[in-house]
Every structure is written in C-alpha cells, then in structure tokens.
Amino acid sequence: MRLFKSHALGNDYLIQESGPPPTPAFVRALCHRHEGVGSDGLLWPQPSAVADCGVRIFNPDGSEAEKSGNGLRIFARWRVDRLYTRRDFTVETLGGVVRCEVLDDGVRVEMGRARFEPEALPATFAGPLIDDAFPLGDEALTATALSVGNPHCVIFVEHDPELAPWRRWGEAIERDPRFPKRVNVQVAQVLGPDHLNIRIWERGAGETSASGSSSCAVAAAAVRTGRLRPGRIRLVMPGGELFVTVSPSFDLTLEGAVTPIGELVLEPSWLAAARALP
C-alpha cells in the first residue's frame, strides 16, 4: 500500500494512493501516533459521476466525515502535484460537491453554504440555536450550532480561549445526545473587526491544531450572531492562520497553506497485521 502525507497548519492527513478499501480498524491502526504512521485522518480518492473526482474522509477513530476543509485542501494539492491535473476542479464529498483551486501560495476551497437549521446538523433542538443557552451539566453556556457540510457547535468567549476549559467542553459536547451524529466544537474570541482566535475539538479526533471546516463554522457563526460583518476573516489557531470569506448569504470560501511531507510505503508485515484487525 502506498500513501502520501501532507499537513495544513499541523492538521495532517494521509492519502491512500493504492490498496484495498480501508476498514475502520485499519484506519485506527494507521492513524495511531505511536504504533502506526500517525495522522488526523485518511483520505481515500474516489471516482465521481457528479464532479471531476471524489474523496472519502476518515477520522482517526475510523468514523467517516462528511467534509473537511483542511482535508480537501490537502487532497487538492496532492491531486495537482501527483496526478498533474488542472488546478481548478470539483470534488464530491459526503457533504456535497465543492470546488477547489490550487494557488501558488496555498489552496482555495469553496465550502458551500452554512446552514443553521437543526435538521442540517442534525440536532434535536426545536429551532435554530443562535447565540442561545446551551446548558452543559451545571454550566450555563451560550452556543451557536450550524452545518458547513458537517456539524459544528461554536462557543464565543470574551477572553483568550486557552483560559476556558475548552478541551473539557469539547469532549463533552462532541457526544452530547442533542447531536445524534456527534459534533465538532470550537471556542472562539473576537480579536478585531475581521479577526478571530479559535480552539478546536474535532469529532473523532479530539484536540486539533487547525481545521478548515471549523474555521468556516466559526467565521459563519461570528457573522450570523452580529459579531463580525460578512467578508474576508482571519482566523488564528495553534497551528497558524486560515482565511474564510463569508458572503451575505453565508456562502463560504476557505484559503490557506498546505505542506506536502512525502510518500510512504507500508511494511508488508505491518500492513497484513493491520488489515486483519477486527
């Protein structure tokens, strides 16, 4: 099996270039930081009848994600560098078809439109949760829930997110029964009229240094709640910075850098053992 690894602000993905379909157990073994290659997820290229190509996105726990902004940017850069295709193309994901463009200094992805209806996530709320009460145990949090092709729950704080128990919140909210398919969680601080500081807890991955879809969700939530105006927004996170453009109708475009790492070939004995896992 041949793989290729890249990262986007420390959010790293493996792309499976050859070999049989991945199983959840195999993905968990492959993404293990000490006993496998180590990764925040696996990308499996696919043919598509509705787009130029397709990709399936697996979380490190073996579950499948509908969409990943950083994963799509990594996939787009890989496709241009390794397959020598044109720089502008469409990609089918479980969360819909997106358009990618590989630039000289990064990758741009049109991520689609943010949706705030509970059924879009899905969530069990009676109506949209927009900067509204979200009790968590004894804590009275305020949150905004939305989908950007995958589900998100955004909590805004007045101070540096590092001063909040964001990891504990993320772990609890990810599996909260109000989100039947689990949810990605972000804690965010407004730093300026087009500037946000965020921390990210990803569904199926946990603490993450950077995330494209999470950046899109936070930017859209900041505009929807009136904290920021539509336009190009800079988001800083432990891994670096990404840019999200939010239109007045909540269409989202993500931009940022991708760093290729290199090709990997798995040792046959390790591969055989991993493929045999139940």
C-alpha atoms as a PDB file:
ATOM      1  CA  MET A   1       0.000   0.000   0.000  1.00  0.00           C
ATOM      2  CA  ARG A   2       1.335   3.415  -0.968  1.00  0.00           C
ATOM      3  CA  LEU A   3       0.414   6.558   0.965  1.00  0.00           C
ATOM      4  CA  PHE A   4       1.199  10.249   0.740  1.00  0.00           C
ATOM      5  CA  LYS A   5       1.265  12.543   3.761  1.00  0.00           C
ATOM      6  CA  SER A   6       0.731  16.305   3.968  1.00  0.00           C
ATOM      7  CA  HIS A   7      -0.259  18.766   6.657  1.00  0.00           C
ATOM      8  CA  ALA A   8      -2.184  22.019   6.782  1.00  0.00           C
ATOM      9  CA  LEU A   9      -1.018  24.057   9.786  1.00  0.00           C
ATOM     10  CA  GLY A  10      -0.190  20.843  11.633  1.00  0.00           C
ATOM     11  CA  ASN A  11      -3.510  19.188  10.771  1.00  0.00           C
ATOM     12  CA  ASP A  12      -2.077  16.151   8.967  1.00  0.00           C
ATOM     13  CA  TYR A  13      -3.726  13.689   6.601  1.00  0.00           C
ATOM     14  CA  LEU A  14      -2.697  10.538   4.794  1.00  0.00           C
ATOM     15  CA  ILE A  15      -3.872   9.958   1.234  1.00  0.00           C
ATOM     16  CA  GLN A  16      -4.257   6.312   0.230  1.00  0.00           C
ATOM     17  CA  GLU A  17      -2.832   6.071  -3.281  1.00  0.00           C
ATOM     18  CA  SER A  18      -3.214   2.308  -3.698  1.00  0.00           C
ATOM     19  CA  GLY A  19      -4.503  -0.780  -1.926  1.00  0.00           C
ATOM     20  CA  PRO A  20      -7.876  -2.230  -0.877  1.00  0.00           C
ATOM     21  CA  PRO A  21     -10.685  -0.193   0.706  1.00  0.00           C
ATOM     22  CA  PRO A  22      -9.887   0.979   4.252  1.00  0.00           C
ATOM     23  CA  THR A  23     -11.794  -0.512   7.168  1.00  0.00           C
ATOM     24  CA  PRO A  24     -12.448   1.372  10.438  1.00  0.00           C
ATOM     25  CA  ALA A  25      -9.983  -0.871  12.322  1.00  0.00           C
ATOM     26  CA  PHE A  26      -7.317  -0.331   9.681  1.00  0.00           C
ATOM     27  CA  VAL A  27      -7.807   3.453   9.788  1.00  0.00           C
ATOM     28  CA  ARG A  28      -7.424   3.440  13.582  1.00  0.00           C
ATOM     29  CA  ALA A  29      -4.211   1.427  13.332  1.00  0.00           C
ATOM     30  CA  LEU A  30      -2.809   3.578  10.543  1.00  0.00           C
ATOM     31  CA  CYS A  31      -3.540   6.887  12.282  1.00  0.00           C
ATOM     32  CA  HIS A  32      -2.130   5.766  15.669  1.00  0.00           C
ATOM     33  CA  ARG A  33       0.629   8.206  16.631  1.00  0.00           C
ATOM     34  CA  HIS A  34       2.964   5.599  18.149  1.00  0.00           C
ATOM     35  CA  GLU A  35       2.098   2.237  16.601  1.00  0.00           C
ATOM     36  CA  GLY A  36       1.125   3.396  13.103  1.00  0.00           C
ATOM     37  CA  VAL A  37       2.059   6.168  10.702  1.00  0.00           C
ATOM     38  CA  GLY A  38       0.176   8.798  12.705  1.00  0.00           C
ATOM     39  CA  SER A  39      -2.391  11.167  11.239  1.00  0.00           C
ATOM     40  CA  ASP A  40      -5.505  13.236  11.900  1.00  0.00           C
ATOM     41  CA  GLY A  41      -7.278  11.247   9.200  1.00  0.00           C
ATOM     42  CA  LEU A  42      -7.177   9.284   5.962  1.00  0.00           C
ATOM     43  CA  LEU A  43      -8.286  10.493   2.524  1.00  0.00           C
ATOM     44  CA  TRP A  44      -9.367   7.853   0.002  1.00  0.00           C
ATOM     45  CA  PRO A  45      -9.675   9.132  -3.602  1.00  0.00           C
ATOM     46  CA  GLN A  46     -12.800   8.078  -5.483  1.00  0.00           C
ATOM     47  CA  PRO A  47     -14.295   8.379  -8.963  1.00  0.00           C
ATOM     48  CA  SER A  48     -17.381  10.574  -9.222  1.00  0.00           C
ATOM     49  CA  ALA A  49     -20.358  10.791 -11.543  1.00  0.00           C
ATOM     50  CA  VAL A  50     -21.253  14.344 -10.448  1.00  0.00           C
ATOM     51  CA  ALA A  51     -17.822  16.011 -10.069  1.00  0.00           C
ATOM     52  CA  ASP A  52     -14.320  15.842 -11.532  1.00  0.00           C
ATOM     53  CA  CYS A  53     -13.327  13.446  -8.737  1.00  0.00           C
ATOM     54  CA  GLY A  54     -14.378  12.313  -5.288  1.00  0.00           C
ATOM     55  CA  VAL A  55     -12.860  11.615  -1.892  1.00  0.00           C
ATOM     56  CA  ARG A  56     -13.934   9.805   1.253  1.00  0.00           C
ATOM     57  CA  ILE A  57     -12.652  11.240   4.521  1.00  0.00           C
ATOM     58  CA  PHE A  58     -11.966   9.096   7.577  1.00  0.00           C
ATOM     59  CA  ASN A  59     -11.382  10.344  11.119  1.00  0.00           C
ATOM     60  CA  PRO A  60      -8.593   8.714  13.167  1.00  0.00           C
ATOM     61  CA  ASP A  61     -11.194   6.777  15.184  1.00  0.00           C
ATOM     62  CA  GLY A  62     -12.337   5.061  11.976  1.00  0.00           C
ATOM     63  CA  SER A  63     -15.559   7.021  11.576  1.00  0.00           C
ATOM     64  CA  GLU A  64     -16.290   8.817   8.325  1.00  0.00           C
ATOM     65  CA  ALA A  65     -16.570  12.610   7.993  1.00  0.00           C
ATOM     66  CA  GLU A  66     -18.877  14.362   5.573  1.00  0.00           C
ATOM     67  CA  LYS A  67     -16.404  17.145   4.818  1.00  0.00           C
ATOM     68  CA  SER A  68     -13.042  18.539   5.944  1.00  0.00           C
ATOM     69  CA  GLY A  69     -11.718  21.903   4.823  1.00  0.00           C
ATOM     70  CA  ASN A  70      -8.076  21.085   5.513  1.00  0.00           C
ATOM     71  CA  GLY A  71      -8.518  17.550   4.196  1.00  0.00           C
ATOM     72  CA  LEU A  72      -9.937  18.916   0.943  1.00  0.00           C
ATOM     73  CA  ARG A  73      -7.123  21.446   0.600  1.00  0.00           C
ATOM     74  CA  ILE A  74      -4.562  18.667   1.162  1.00  0.00           C
ATOM     75  CA  PHE A  75      -6.371  16.432  -1.326  1.00  0.00           C
ATOM     76  CA  ALA A  76      -6.450  19.210  -3.932  1.00  0.00           C
ATOM     77  CA  ARG A  77      -2.733  19.943  -3.615  1.00  0.00           C
ATOM     78  CA  TRP A  78      -1.942  16.205  -3.812  1.00  0.00           C
ATOM     79  CA  ARG A  79      -4.095  15.791  -6.903  1.00  0.00           C
ATOM     80  CA  VAL A  80      -2.312  18.583  -8.757  1.00  0.00           C
ATOM     81  CA  ASP A  81       1.207  17.599  -7.619  1.00  0.00           C
ATOM     82  CA  ARG A  82       0.885  13.827  -8.022  1.00  0.00           C
ATOM     83  CA  LEU A  83      -1.602  13.429 -10.876  1.00  0.00           C
ATOM     84  CA  TYR A  84      -0.642  16.582 -12.805  1.00  0.00           C
ATOM     85  CA  THR A  85      -4.234  17.648 -13.328  1.00  0.00           C
ATOM     86  CA  ARG A  86      -5.527  21.167 -13.841  1.00  0.00           C
ATOM     87  CA  ARG A  87      -5.516  23.474 -10.816  1.00  0.00           C
ATOM     88  CA  ASP A  88      -9.263  24.160 -10.680  1.00  0.00           C
ATOM     89  CA  PHE A  89     -11.705  21.251 -10.267  1.00  0.00           C
ATOM     90  CA  THR A  90     -14.728  19.947  -8.346  1.00  0.00           C
ATOM     91  CA  VAL A  91     -14.676  17.238  -5.667  1.00  0.00           C
ATOM     92  CA  GLU A  92     -17.576  15.103  -4.451  1.00  0.00           C
ATOM     93  CA  THR A  93     -17.721  14.501  -0.685  1.00  0.00           C
ATOM     94  CA  LEU A  94     -20.399  13.026   1.565  1.00  0.00           C
ATOM     95  CA  GLY A  95     -21.182  16.637   2.487  1.00  0.00           C
ATOM     96  CA  GLY A  96     -21.702  17.763  -1.105  1.00  0.00           C
ATOM     97  CA  VAL A  97     -19.686  18.882  -4.125  1.00  0.00           C
ATOM     98  CA  VAL A  98     -17.048  21.584  -3.591  1.00  0.00           C
ATOM     99  CA  ARG A  99     -14.767  23.496  -5.945  1.00  0.00           C
ATOM    100  CA  CYS A 100     -11.016  23.576  -5.253  1.00  0.00           C
ATOM    101  CA  GLU A 101      -8.318  25.796  -6.714  1.00  0.00           C
ATOM    102  CA  VAL A 102      -4.597  25.235  -6.122  1.00  0.00           C
ATOM    103  CA  LEU A 103      -2.806  28.586  -5.971  1.00  0.00           C
ATOM    104  CA  ASP A 104       0.899  29.399  -5.960  1.00  0.00           C
ATOM    105  CA  ASP A 105       0.810  30.119  -2.206  1.00  0.00           C
ATOM    106  CA  GLY A 106      -1.953  27.820  -0.981  1.00  0.00           C
ATOM    107  CA  VAL A 107      -5.280  26.211  -1.792  1.00  0.00           C
ATOM    108  CA  ARG A 108      -8.740  27.763  -2.002  1.00  0.00           C
ATOM    109  CA  VAL A 109     -11.907  25.709  -1.447  1.00  0.00           C
ATOM    110  CA  GLU A 110     -15.485  26.851  -1.975  1.00  0.00           C
ATOM    111  CA  MET A 111     -17.045  25.099   1.004  1.00  0.00           C
ATOM    112  CA  GLY A 112     -20.708  25.703   0.222  1.00  0.00           C
ATOM    113  CA  ARG A 113     -23.318  27.488   2.324  1.00  0.00           C
ATOM    114  CA  ALA A 114     -23.577  27.456   6.116  1.00  0.00           C
ATOM    115  CA  ARG A 115     -26.922  26.204   7.405  1.00  0.00           C
ATOM    116  CA  PHE A 116     -28.368  26.844  10.848  1.00  0.00           C
ATOM    117  CA  GLU A 117     -31.486  24.650  10.773  1.00  0.00           C
ATOM    118  CA  PRO A 118     -31.304  21.816  13.352  1.00  0.00           C
ATOM    119  CA  GLU A 119     -32.022  19.164  10.704  1.00  0.00           C
ATOM    120  CA  ALA A 120     -28.912  20.219   8.779  1.00  0.00           C
ATOM    121  CA  LEU A 121     -26.536  19.075  11.526  1.00  0.00           C
ATOM    122  CA  PRO A 122     -28.606  17.094  12.686  1.00  0.00           C
ATOM    123  CA  ALA A 123     -29.588  18.316  16.167  1.00  0.00           C
ATOM    124  CA  THR A 124     -32.617  17.799  18.366  1.00  0.00           C
ATOM    125  CA  PHE A 125     -33.346  21.481  19.046  1.00  0.00           C
ATOM    126  CA  ALA A 126     -36.868  22.722  18.311  1.00  0.00           C
ATOM    127  CA  GLY A 127     -35.406  25.579  16.259  1.00  0.00           C
ATOM    128  CA  PRO A 128     -32.040  27.091  15.326  1.00  0.00           C
ATOM    129  CA  LEU A 129     -29.546  27.549  18.164  1.00  0.00           C
ATOM    130  CA  ILE A 130     -28.134  31.025  17.507  1.00  0.00           C
ATOM    131  CA  ASP A 131     -26.152  32.535  20.387  1.00  0.00           C
ATOM    132  CA  ASP A 132     -28.587  30.899  22.764  1.00  0.00           C
ATOM    133  CA  ALA A 133     -28.491  28.981  26.034  1.00  0.00           C
ATOM    134  CA  PHE A 134     -26.762  25.606  25.879  1.00  0.00           C
ATOM    135  CA  PRO A 135     -26.702  24.073  29.385  1.00  0.00           C
ATOM    136  CA  LEU A 136     -23.832  21.638  29.938  1.00  0.00           C
ATOM    137  CA  GLY A 137     -24.175  19.952  33.304  1.00  0.00           C
ATOM    138  CA  ASP A 138     -24.094  22.754  35.868  1.00  0.00           C
ATOM    139  CA  GLU A 139     -22.590  25.239  33.392  1.00  0.00           C
ATOM    140  CA  ALA A 140     -24.723  27.796  31.560  1.00  0.00           C
ATOM    141  CA  LEU A 141     -23.011  28.070  28.175  1.00  0.00           C
ATOM    142  CA  THR A 142     -24.148  30.056  25.152  1.00  0.00           C
ATOM    143  CA  ALA A 143     -23.646  28.418  21.753  1.00  0.00           C
ATOM    144  CA  THR A 144     -24.395  28.568  18.052  1.00  0.00           C
ATOM    145  CA  ALA A 145     -24.965  25.342  16.096  1.00  0.00           C
ATOM    146  CA  LEU A 146     -24.574  25.060  12.330  1.00  0.00           C
ATOM    147  CA  SER A 147     -23.569  22.832   9.451  1.00  0.00           C
ATOM    148  CA  VAL A 148     -20.955  23.585   6.796  1.00  0.00           C
ATOM    149  CA  GLY A 149     -21.422  20.120   5.327  1.00  0.00           C
ATOM    150  CA  ASN A 150     -20.504  18.650   8.714  1.00  0.00           C
ATOM    151  CA  PRO A 151     -21.883  19.626  12.153  1.00  0.00           C
ATOM    152  CA  HIS A 152     -20.411  22.304  14.454  1.00  0.00           C
ATOM    153  CA  CYS A 153     -21.105  23.904  17.811  1.00  0.00           C
ATOM    154  CA  VAL A 154     -19.437  27.299  18.404  1.00  0.00           C
ATOM    155  CA  ILE A 155     -18.978  28.943  21.805  1.00  0.00           C
ATOM    156  CA  PHE A 156     -17.775  32.566  21.955  1.00  0.00           C
ATOM    157  CA  VAL A 157     -15.832  33.805  24.985  1.00  0.00           C
ATOM    158  CA  GLU A 158     -14.670  37.309  25.908  1.00  0.00           C
ATOM    159  CA  HIS A 159     -11.111  36.217  26.776  1.00  0.00           C
ATOM    160  CA  ASP A 160      -8.368  34.011  25.345  1.00  0.00           C
ATOM    161  CA  PRO A 161      -9.924  30.570  24.710  1.00  0.00           C
ATOM    162  CA  GLU A 162      -6.933  28.996  26.477  1.00  0.00           C
ATOM    163  CA  LEU A 163      -8.321  30.418  29.730  1.00  0.00           C
ATOM    164  CA  ALA A 164     -11.536  28.419  29.236  1.00  0.00           C
ATOM    165  CA  PRO A 165     -11.894  24.657  29.843  1.00  0.00           C
ATOM    166  CA  TRP A 166     -12.354  24.206  26.100  1.00  0.00           C
ATOM    167  CA  ARG A 167     -10.973  20.667  25.966  1.00  0.00           C
ATOM    168  CA  ARG A 168     -13.448  19.516  28.601  1.00  0.00           C
ATOM    169  CA  TRP A 169     -16.274  21.319  26.838  1.00  0.00           C
ATOM    170  CA  GLY A 170     -15.261  19.824  23.514  1.00  0.00           C
ATOM    171  CA  GLU A 171     -15.085  16.271  24.792  1.00  0.00           C
ATOM    172  CA  ALA A 172     -18.488  16.557  26.473  1.00  0.00           C
ATOM    173  CA  ILE A 173     -20.303  18.375  23.686  1.00  0.00           C
ATOM    174  CA  GLU A 174     -18.933  16.123  20.916  1.00  0.00           C
ATOM    175  CA  ARG A 175     -21.013  13.220  22.232  1.00  0.00           C
ATOM    176  CA  ASP A 176     -23.900  15.220  23.693  1.00  0.00           C
ATOM    177  CA  PRO A 177     -27.207  13.481  22.823  1.00  0.00           C
ATOM    178  CA  ARG A 178     -28.527  16.743  21.395  1.00  0.00           C
ATOM    179  CA  PHE A 179     -26.245  15.982  18.422  1.00  0.00           C
ATOM    180  CA  PRO A 180     -27.203  12.452  17.270  1.00  0.00           C
ATOM    181  CA  LYS A 181     -24.238  12.166  14.856  1.00  0.00           C
ATOM    182  CA  ARG A 182     -21.822  13.917  17.228  1.00  0.00           C
ATOM    183  CA  VAL A 183     -20.411  17.373  16.558  1.00  0.00           C
ATOM    184  CA  ASN A 184     -17.225  19.398  16.115  1.00  0.00           C
ATOM    185  CA  VAL A 185     -16.722  22.012  18.842  1.00  0.00           C
ATOM    186  CA  GLN A 186     -14.974  25.383  18.704  1.00  0.00           C
ATOM    187  CA  VAL A 187     -14.309  28.030  21.337  1.00  0.00           C
ATOM    188  CA  ALA A 188     -13.674  31.468  19.836  1.00  0.00           C
ATOM    189  CA  GLN A 189     -12.664  35.008  20.784  1.00  0.00           C
ATOM    190  CA  VAL A 190     -13.168  38.103  18.637  1.00  0.00           C
ATOM    191  CA  LEU A 191      -9.858  39.964  18.310  1.00  0.00           C
ATOM    192  CA  GLY A 192     -10.942  42.644  15.824  1.00  0.00           C
ATOM    193  CA  PRO A 193     -13.445  43.527  13.097  1.00  0.00           C
ATOM    194  CA  ASP A 194     -12.146  40.719  10.840  1.00  0.00           C
ATOM    195  CA  HIS A 195     -10.011  38.682  13.233  1.00  0.00           C
ATOM    196  CA  LEU A 196     -10.826  35.614  15.389  1.00  0.00           C
ATOM    197  CA  ASN A 197      -8.840  33.430  17.794  1.00  0.00           C
ATOM    198  CA  ILE A 198     -10.090  29.822  18.000  1.00  0.00           C
ATOM    199  CA  ARG A 199      -9.508  26.468  19.665  1.00  0.00           C
ATOM    200  CA  ILE A 200     -10.783  23.285  18.061  1.00  0.00           C
ATOM    201  CA  TRP A 201     -12.118  19.933  19.277  1.00  0.00           C
ATOM    202  CA  GLU A 202     -12.814  17.703  16.282  1.00  0.00           C
ATOM    203  CA  ARG A 203     -15.368  14.922  16.184  1.00  0.00           C
ATOM    204  CA  GLY A 204     -13.455  11.645  16.091  1.00  0.00           C
ATOM    205  CA  ALA A 205     -10.048  13.311  16.535  1.00  0.00           C
ATOM    206  CA  GLY A 206     -10.144  15.453  19.676  1.00  0.00           C
ATOM    207  CA  GLU A 207      -7.852  18.463  20.123  1.00  0.00           C
ATOM    208  CA  THR A 208      -6.647  19.682  16.723  1.00  0.00           C
ATOM    209  CA  SER A 209      -4.106  22.383  15.924  1.00  0.00           C
ATOM    210  CA  ALA A 210      -6.068  23.608  12.907  1.00  0.00           C
ATOM    211  CA  SER A 211      -9.252  22.830  10.985  1.00  0.00           C
ATOM    212  CA  GLY A 212     -10.672  24.271   7.799  1.00  0.00           C
ATOM    213  CA  SER A 213     -14.318  23.359   8.342  1.00  0.00           C
ATOM    214  CA  SER A 214     -14.107  24.557  11.962  1.00  0.00           C
ATOM    215  CA  SER A 215     -12.690  27.872  10.734  1.00  0.00           C
ATOM    216  CA  CYS A 216     -15.587  28.168   8.301  1.00  0.00           C
ATOM    217  CA  ALA A 217     -18.097  27.391  11.047  1.00  0.00           C
ATOM    218  CA  VAL A 218     -16.663  29.958  13.471  1.00  0.00           C
ATOM    219  CA  ALA A 219     -16.500  32.669  10.800  1.00  0.00           C
ATOM    220  CA  ALA A 220     -20.101  31.983   9.749  1.00  0.00           C
ATOM    221  CA  ALA A 221     -21.272  31.944  13.375  1.00  0.00           C
ATOM    222  CA  ALA A 222     -19.489  35.253  14.065  1.00  0.00           C
ATOM    223  CA  VAL A 223     -21.325  36.866  11.141  1.00  0.00           C
ATOM    224  CA  ARG A 224     -24.676  35.234  11.967  1.00  0.00           C
ATOM    225  CA  THR A 225     -24.534  36.480  15.576  1.00  0.00           C
ATOM    226  CA  GLY A 226     -23.552  40.009  14.512  1.00  0.00           C
ATOM    227  CA  ARG A 227     -20.055  39.909  15.959  1.00  0.00           C
ATOM    228  CA  LEU A 228     -18.446  40.419  12.546  1.00  0.00           C
ATOM    229  CA  ARG A 229     -19.547  41.659   9.136  1.00  0.00           C
ATOM    230  CA  PRO A 230     -19.540  39.484   6.001  1.00  0.00           C
ATOM    231  CA  GLY A 231     -16.204  39.494   4.184  1.00  0.00           C
ATOM    232  CA  ARG A 232     -12.724  38.003   4.482  1.00  0.00           C
ATOM    233  CA  ILE A 233     -11.968  36.924   8.040  1.00  0.00           C
ATOM    234  CA  ARG A 234      -8.614  35.898   9.503  1.00  0.00           C
ATOM    235  CA  LEU A 235      -8.675  33.015  11.992  1.00  0.00           C
ATOM    236  CA  VAL A 236      -5.675  32.251  14.183  1.00  0.00           C
ATOM    237  CA  MET A 237      -5.257  28.888  15.935  1.00  0.00           C
ATOM    238  CA  PRO A 238      -2.340  26.955  17.439  1.00  0.00           C
ATOM    239  CA  GLY A 239      -1.221  25.706  14.012  1.00  0.00           C
ATOM    240  CA  GLY A 240      -1.240  29.096  12.297  1.00  0.00           C
ATOM    241  CA  GLU A 241      -3.858  31.072  10.386  1.00  0.00           C
ATOM    242  CA  LEU A 242      -6.541  30.478   7.776  1.00  0.00           C
ATOM    243  CA  PHE A 243      -8.785  32.882   5.887  1.00  0.00           C
ATOM    244  CA  VAL A 244     -12.524  32.432   5.385  1.00  0.00           C
ATOM    245  CA  THR A 245     -14.683  34.668   3.218  1.00  0.00           C
ATOM    246  CA  VAL A 246     -18.329  34.764   4.325  1.00  0.00           C
ATOM    247  CA  SER A 247     -20.821  36.164   1.817  1.00  0.00           C
ATOM    248  CA  PRO A 248     -24.062  37.910   2.900  1.00  0.00           C
ATOM    249  CA  SER A 249     -25.886  34.669   2.023  1.00  0.00           C
ATOM    250  CA  PHE A 250     -23.362  32.617   4.070  1.00  0.00           C
ATOM    251  CA  ASP A 251     -21.514  31.023   1.181  1.00  0.00           C
ATOM    252  CA  LEU A 252     -18.024  30.154   2.445  1.00  0.00           C
ATOM    253  CA  THR A 253     -14.585  30.163   0.824  1.00  0.00           C
ATOM    254  CA  LEU A 254     -11.545  28.811   2.680  1.00  0.00           C
ATOM    255  CA  GLU A 255      -7.919  29.693   1.916  1.00  0.00           C
ATOM    256  CA  GLY A 256      -4.628  28.579   3.434  1.00  0.00           C
ATOM    257  CA  ALA A 257      -1.293  26.857   3.064  1.00  0.00           C
ATOM    258  CA  VAL A 258      -0.623  23.142   2.535  1.00  0.00           C
ATOM    259  CA  THR A 259       2.739  21.461   3.175  1.00  0.00           C
ATOM    260  CA  PRO A 260       3.469  18.140   1.398  1.00  0.00           C
ATOM    261  CA  ILE A 261       5.588  15.774   3.515  1.00  0.00           C
ATOM    262  CA  GLY A 262       6.220  12.803   1.274  1.00  0.00           C
ATOM    263  CA  GLU A 263       5.424   9.317   0.034  1.00  0.00           C
ATOM    264  CA  LEU A 264       5.184   6.342   2.377  1.00  0.00           C
ATOM    265  CA  VAL A 265       5.195   2.611   1.641  1.00  0.00           C
ATOM    266  CA  LEU A 266       3.895   0.343   4.412  1.00  0.00           C
ATOM    267  CA  GLU A 267       5.907  -2.631   5.579  1.00  0.00           C
ATOM    268  CA  PRO A 268       4.038  -5.758   4.344  1.00  0.00           C
ATOM    269  CA  SER A 269       4.039  -7.469   7.744  1.00  0.00           C
ATOM    270  CA  TRP A 270       2.591  -4.391   9.486  1.00  0.00           C
ATOM    271  CA  LEU A 271       0.027  -3.983   6.718  1.00  0.00           C
ATOM    272  CA  ALA A 272      -1.052  -7.619   6.945  1.00  0.00           C
ATOM    273  CA  ALA A 273      -1.498  -7.358  10.719  1.00  0.00           C
ATOM    274  CA  ALA A 274      -3.434  -4.087  10.454  1.00  0.00           C
ATOM    275  CA  ARG A 275      -5.679  -5.428   7.699  1.00  0.00           C
ATOM    276  CA  ALA A 276      -6.515  -8.452   9.870  1.00  0.00           C
ATOM    277  CA  LEU A 277      -7.779  -6.348  12.796  1.00  0.00           C
ATOM    278  CA  PRO A 278     -11.487  -6.832  13.551  1.00  0.00           C
END
